[in-house]
Protein backbone atom coordinates (compact mmCIF):
# COMPACT_ATOMS: atom_id res chain seq x y z
CA MET A 1 -151.75 35.65 -113.82
CA GLN A 2 -153.16 35.78 -110.42
CA ILE A 3 -152.63 32.48 -107.68
CA ASP A 4 -155.83 32.13 -105.84
CA VAL A 5 -155.37 30.52 -102.17
CA LEU A 6 -158.00 28.67 -100.55
CA SER A 7 -157.94 29.22 -97.01
CA THR A 8 -158.22 26.25 -94.52
CA ASP A 9 -162.15 26.79 -93.81
CA GLU A 10 -162.41 25.97 -97.85
CA ILE A 11 -160.35 23.48 -97.60
CA PHE A 12 -162.10 21.81 -94.79
CA SER A 13 -165.97 22.48 -96.23
CA ALA A 14 -164.54 20.65 -99.35
CA LYS A 15 -162.44 17.59 -97.58
CA LYS A 16 -165.96 16.89 -95.34
CA PHE A 17 -168.51 17.53 -98.86
CA CYS A 18 -166.19 14.45 -100.32
CA LEU A 19 -165.93 12.35 -97.25
CA LYS A 20 -169.59 12.60 -97.10
CA GLN A 21 -170.47 11.50 -100.85
CA ILE A 22 -168.80 9.26 -100.66
CA GLN A 23 -170.09 7.99 -96.90
CA MET A 24 -173.39 7.99 -98.11
CA ILE A 25 -172.76 6.21 -102.11
CA ALA A 26 -170.50 3.45 -99.14
CA PHE A 27 -172.30 2.80 -96.68
CA LYS A 28 -175.80 4.58 -97.57
CA GLU A 29 -178.39 1.78 -95.33
CA GLU A 30 -176.05 2.13 -92.50
CA TYR A 31 -175.31 7.01 -93.29
CA GLU A 32 -179.31 6.55 -93.11
CA ALA A 33 -180.42 4.83 -90.03
CA LEU A 34 -177.00 6.73 -87.98
CA SER A 35 -178.38 10.24 -89.01
CA LYS A 36 -181.70 9.37 -88.45
CA GLY A 37 -180.30 7.93 -84.77
CA GLU A 38 -181.19 4.43 -85.70
CA LYS A 39 -179.04 1.13 -85.13
CA ILE A 40 -177.20 0.15 -87.66
CA SER A 41 -177.91 -3.61 -89.28
CA PHE A 42 -176.26 -7.15 -87.42
CA LYS A 43 -174.77 -7.58 -91.02
CA SER A 44 -173.35 -4.03 -91.39
CA SER A 45 -169.50 -4.27 -92.80
CA ILE A 46 -168.90 -1.06 -90.60
CA ARG A 47 -170.91 -2.48 -87.20
CA SER A 48 -167.73 -3.87 -85.43
CA LEU A 49 -166.33 -0.41 -85.49
CA ASN A 50 -168.69 0.91 -83.26
CA PRO A 51 -169.98 3.31 -85.66
CA VAL A 52 -171.72 6.93 -84.13
CA TRP A 53 -172.83 10.49 -86.19
CA ASP A 54 -171.62 13.13 -85.71
CA LEU A 55 -174.28 15.59 -85.79
CA ARG A 56 -171.86 18.54 -86.04
CA ASN A 57 -170.74 17.96 -89.45
CA ARG A 58 -173.38 15.03 -90.56
CA LEU A 59 -170.59 12.22 -91.24
CA ILE A 60 -170.83 8.93 -89.59
CA ARG A 61 -166.97 8.31 -87.26
CA VAL A 62 -166.27 5.61 -85.73
CA THR A 63 -164.42 4.73 -82.44
CA GLY A 64 -162.73 1.54 -83.56
CA ARG A 65 -162.06 -1.77 -81.55
CA ILE A 66 -160.13 -1.43 -78.42
CA GLU A 67 -162.19 0.27 -76.87
CA LEU A 68 -164.99 -2.11 -77.31
CA SER A 69 -163.23 -4.53 -77.01
CA TYR A 70 -162.96 -4.43 -73.78
CA GLU A 71 -166.23 -3.18 -73.06
CA ASP A 72 -168.44 -5.37 -74.54
CA ARG A 73 -166.57 -8.28 -72.47
CA GLY A 74 -166.40 -6.27 -69.19
CA ILE A 75 -163.77 -6.77 -68.39
CA PRO A 76 -161.61 -4.69 -66.57
CA PHE A 77 -158.76 -2.69 -67.59
CA LYS A 78 -156.03 -2.68 -65.25
CA GLY A 79 -153.14 0.41 -65.86
CA ARG A 80 -149.62 -0.82 -65.62
CA ALA A 81 -148.93 0.43 -62.27
CA GLU A 82 -152.20 -1.67 -60.91
CA LYS A 83 -150.87 -4.99 -61.39
CA SER A 84 -147.39 -3.83 -60.54
CA LYS A 85 -148.19 -3.68 -57.17
CA GLU A 86 -150.31 -7.20 -57.26
CA ASP A 87 -147.67 -9.02 -58.60
CA LYS A 88 -145.09 -7.59 -56.36
CA GLY A 89 -146.28 -9.04 -54.29
CA LYS A 90 -146.51 -12.61 -55.94
CA LYS A 91 -142.66 -12.70 -57.26
CA ASN A 92 -141.66 -11.68 -54.04
CA LYS A 93 -143.69 -14.91 -52.58
CA LYS A 94 -142.50 -16.61 -55.63
CA LYS A 95 -138.69 -15.84 -54.23
CA ASN A 96 -138.91 -17.01 -50.89
CA LYS A 97 -140.46 -20.70 -51.12
CA ASP A 98 -137.55 -21.24 -53.71
CA PHE A 99 -135.09 -20.15 -51.05
CA SER A 100 -136.06 -22.77 -48.54
């Protein structure tokens, strides 16, 4: 008895095929719109996930909510290092007032 082993390319192709079939059924309108380069409906359940079309794999990809939360509101993201420099000056001023 001989057992054939699937290659990584065969596994990837099977996974991509399954994902494509699921997306075409579960998100039919979104799949059709994005594949044509159109925007999806405002009523779509996946709109808040910022779906984009992956042209190479012909699949819907989502970029997530964290990215959207800062970009859509126009709130600049402050890294920890930037914030700590500003806060140090404010903390030192408060300490000096307490000891006066």
